[in-house]
């Protein structure tokens, strides 16, 4: 996503924090060949490959090391650290 490309990913775990289904990628719900094939077909039928570059880059920026450091600093400042 940081390169401006949407992803196709299993819709479980930590990826749910970083990918927005239908905006920065497509999820598949079960780890099966059929589910993955369905996700690829949904991706190909969508406009994600053409229209989501800026959304992908912006979303990925929320998860950079700099963003993490800033969030930690802000949290520490709120609690007086």
C-alpha atoms as a PDB file:
ATOM      1  CA  UNK A   1       0.000   0.000   0.000  1.00  0.00           C
ATOM      2  CA  UNK A   2       2.888   2.376   0.701  1.00  0.00           C
ATOM      3  CA  UNK A   3       3.670   2.198  -3.019  1.00  0.00           C
ATOM      4  CA  UNK A   4       0.099   3.184  -3.835  1.00  0.00           C
ATOM      5  CA  UNK A   5      -1.155  -0.272  -4.680  1.00  0.00           C
ATOM      6  CA  UNK A   6      -4.224  -1.903  -3.132  1.00  0.00           C
ATOM      7  CA  UNK A   7      -3.855  -5.370  -1.647  1.00  0.00           C
ATOM      8  CA  UNK A   8      -5.790  -8.613  -1.580  1.00  0.00           C
ATOM      9  CA  UNK A   9      -5.520 -10.052   1.911  1.00  0.00           C
ATOM     10  CA  UNK A  10      -7.018 -12.553   4.313  1.00  0.00           C
ATOM     11  CA  UNK A  11      -9.504 -10.616   6.455  1.00  0.00           C
ATOM     12  CA  UNK A  12      -8.132 -11.555   9.842  1.00  0.00           C
ATOM     13  CA  UNK A  13      -5.537 -10.417  12.324  1.00  0.00           C
ATOM     14  CA  UNK A  14      -3.535  -7.211  12.175  1.00  0.00           C
ATOM     15  CA  UNK A  15      -4.294  -6.488   8.536  1.00  0.00           C
ATOM     16  CA  UNK A  16      -7.769  -5.423   9.630  1.00  0.00           C
ATOM     17  CA  UNK A  17      -6.136  -2.355  11.207  1.00  0.00           C
ATOM     18  CA  UNK A  18      -4.318  -1.234   8.086  1.00  0.00           C
ATOM     19  CA  UNK A  19      -6.475  -2.202   5.106  1.00  0.00           C
ATOM     20  CA  UNK A  20      -9.918  -0.718   4.482  1.00  0.00           C
ATOM     21  CA  UNK A  21     -11.958  -3.277   2.542  1.00  0.00           C
ATOM     22  CA  UNK A  22     -13.136  -1.819  -0.750  1.00  0.00           C
ATOM     23  CA  UNK A  23     -10.964   1.290  -0.367  1.00  0.00           C
ATOM     24  CA  UNK A  24      -7.338   0.192   0.001  1.00  0.00           C
ATOM     25  CA  UNK A  25      -7.802  -3.484  -0.713  1.00  0.00           C
ATOM     26  CA  UNK A  26     -10.053  -6.505  -0.866  1.00  0.00           C
ATOM     27  CA  UNK A  27     -10.416  -9.102   1.876  1.00  0.00           C
ATOM     28  CA  UNK A  28     -11.189 -12.781   1.546  1.00  0.00           C
ATOM     29  CA  UNK A  29     -12.804 -14.412   4.558  1.00  0.00           C
ATOM     30  CA  UNK A  30     -11.631 -18.014   4.440  1.00  0.00           C
ATOM     31  CA  UNK A  31      -8.194 -19.316   3.598  1.00  0.00           C
ATOM     32  CA  UNK A  32      -9.271 -21.362   0.602  1.00  0.00           C
ATOM     33  CA  UNK A  33      -8.458 -21.297  -3.073  1.00  0.00           C
ATOM     34  CA  UNK A  34     -12.089 -20.518  -3.908  1.00  0.00           C
ATOM     35  CA  UNK A  35     -12.178 -17.541  -1.542  1.00  0.00           C
ATOM     36  CA  UNK A  36      -8.938 -16.169  -2.962  1.00  0.00           C
ATOM     37  CA  UNK A  37     -10.140 -16.625  -6.539  1.00  0.00           C
ATOM     38  CA  UNK A  38     -13.362 -14.819  -5.630  1.00  0.00           C
ATOM     39  CA  UNK A  39     -11.360 -11.946  -4.096  1.00  0.00           C
ATOM     40  CA  UNK A  40      -9.223 -11.615  -7.222  1.00  0.00           C
ATOM     41  CA  UNK A  41     -12.366 -11.530  -9.368  1.00  0.00           C
ATOM     42  CA  UNK A  42     -13.909  -8.860  -7.125  1.00  0.00           C
ATOM     43  CA  UNK A  43     -10.678  -6.863  -7.335  1.00  0.00           C
ATOM     44  CA  UNK A  44     -10.591  -7.098 -11.123  1.00  0.00           C
ATOM     45  CA  UNK A  45     -14.241  -5.983 -11.317  1.00  0.00           C
ATOM     46  CA  UNK A  46     -13.589  -3.003  -9.030  1.00  0.00           C
ATOM     47  CA  UNK A  47     -11.951   0.340  -9.730  1.00  0.00           C
ATOM     48  CA  UNK A  48      -9.420  -0.129  -6.936  1.00  0.00           C
ATOM     49  CA  UNK A  49      -6.443  -0.613  -9.232  1.00  0.00           C
ATOM     50  CA  UNK A  50      -7.188   2.710 -10.921  1.00  0.00           C
ATOM     51  CA  UNK A  51      -8.566   4.926  -8.199  1.00  0.00           C
ATOM     52  CA  UNK A  52      -7.030   3.992  -4.865  1.00  0.00           C
ATOM     53  CA  UNK A  53      -3.403   5.184  -5.138  1.00  0.00           C
ATOM     54  CA  UNK A  54      -3.755   8.213  -2.859  1.00  0.00           C
ATOM     55  CA  UNK A  55      -5.943   6.325  -0.379  1.00  0.00           C
ATOM     56  CA  UNK A  56      -3.402   3.487  -0.182  1.00  0.00           C
ATOM     57  CA  UNK A  57      -0.456   5.811   0.398  1.00  0.00           C
ATOM     58  CA  UNK A  58      -2.351   7.858   2.993  1.00  0.00           C
ATOM     59  CA  UNK A  59      -3.470   4.760   4.877  1.00  0.00           C
ATOM     60  CA  UNK A  60       0.034   3.259   4.847  1.00  0.00           C
ATOM     61  CA  UNK A  61       1.449   6.491   6.286  1.00  0.00           C
ATOM     62  CA  UNK A  62      -0.560   5.844   9.459  1.00  0.00           C
ATOM     63  CA  UNK A  63       1.662   2.814  10.124  1.00  0.00           C
ATOM     64  CA  UNK A  64       5.171   4.174   9.541  1.00  0.00           C
ATOM     65  CA  UNK A  65       7.864   4.196  12.199  1.00  0.00           C
ATOM     66  CA  UNK A  66       7.540   7.990  12.421  1.00  0.00           C
ATOM     67  CA  UNK A  67       3.784   7.729  13.014  1.00  0.00           C
ATOM     68  CA  UNK A  68       4.371   5.093  15.680  1.00  0.00           C
ATOM     69  CA  UNK A  69       6.955   7.252  17.454  1.00  0.00           C
ATOM     70  CA  UNK A  70       4.667  10.282  17.318  1.00  0.00           C
ATOM     71  CA  UNK A  71       1.762   8.287  18.743  1.00  0.00           C
ATOM     72  CA  UNK A  72       3.893   6.970  21.594  1.00  0.00           C
ATOM     73  CA  UNK A  73       5.184  10.469  22.364  1.00  0.00           C
ATOM     74  CA  UNK A  74       1.682  11.895  22.387  1.00  0.00           C
ATOM     75  CA  UNK A  75       0.443   9.114  24.641  1.00  0.00           C
ATOM     76  CA  UNK A  76       3.305   9.638  27.081  1.00  0.00           C
ATOM     77  CA  UNK A  77       2.683  13.395  27.111  1.00  0.00           C
ATOM     78  CA  UNK A  78      -1.000  12.805  27.969  1.00  0.00           C
ATOM     79  CA  UNK A  79      -0.109  10.660  30.968  1.00  0.00           C
ATOM     80  CA  UNK A  80       2.695  12.958  32.069  1.00  0.00           C
ATOM     81  CA  UNK A  81       5.610  10.830  30.906  1.00  0.00           C
END
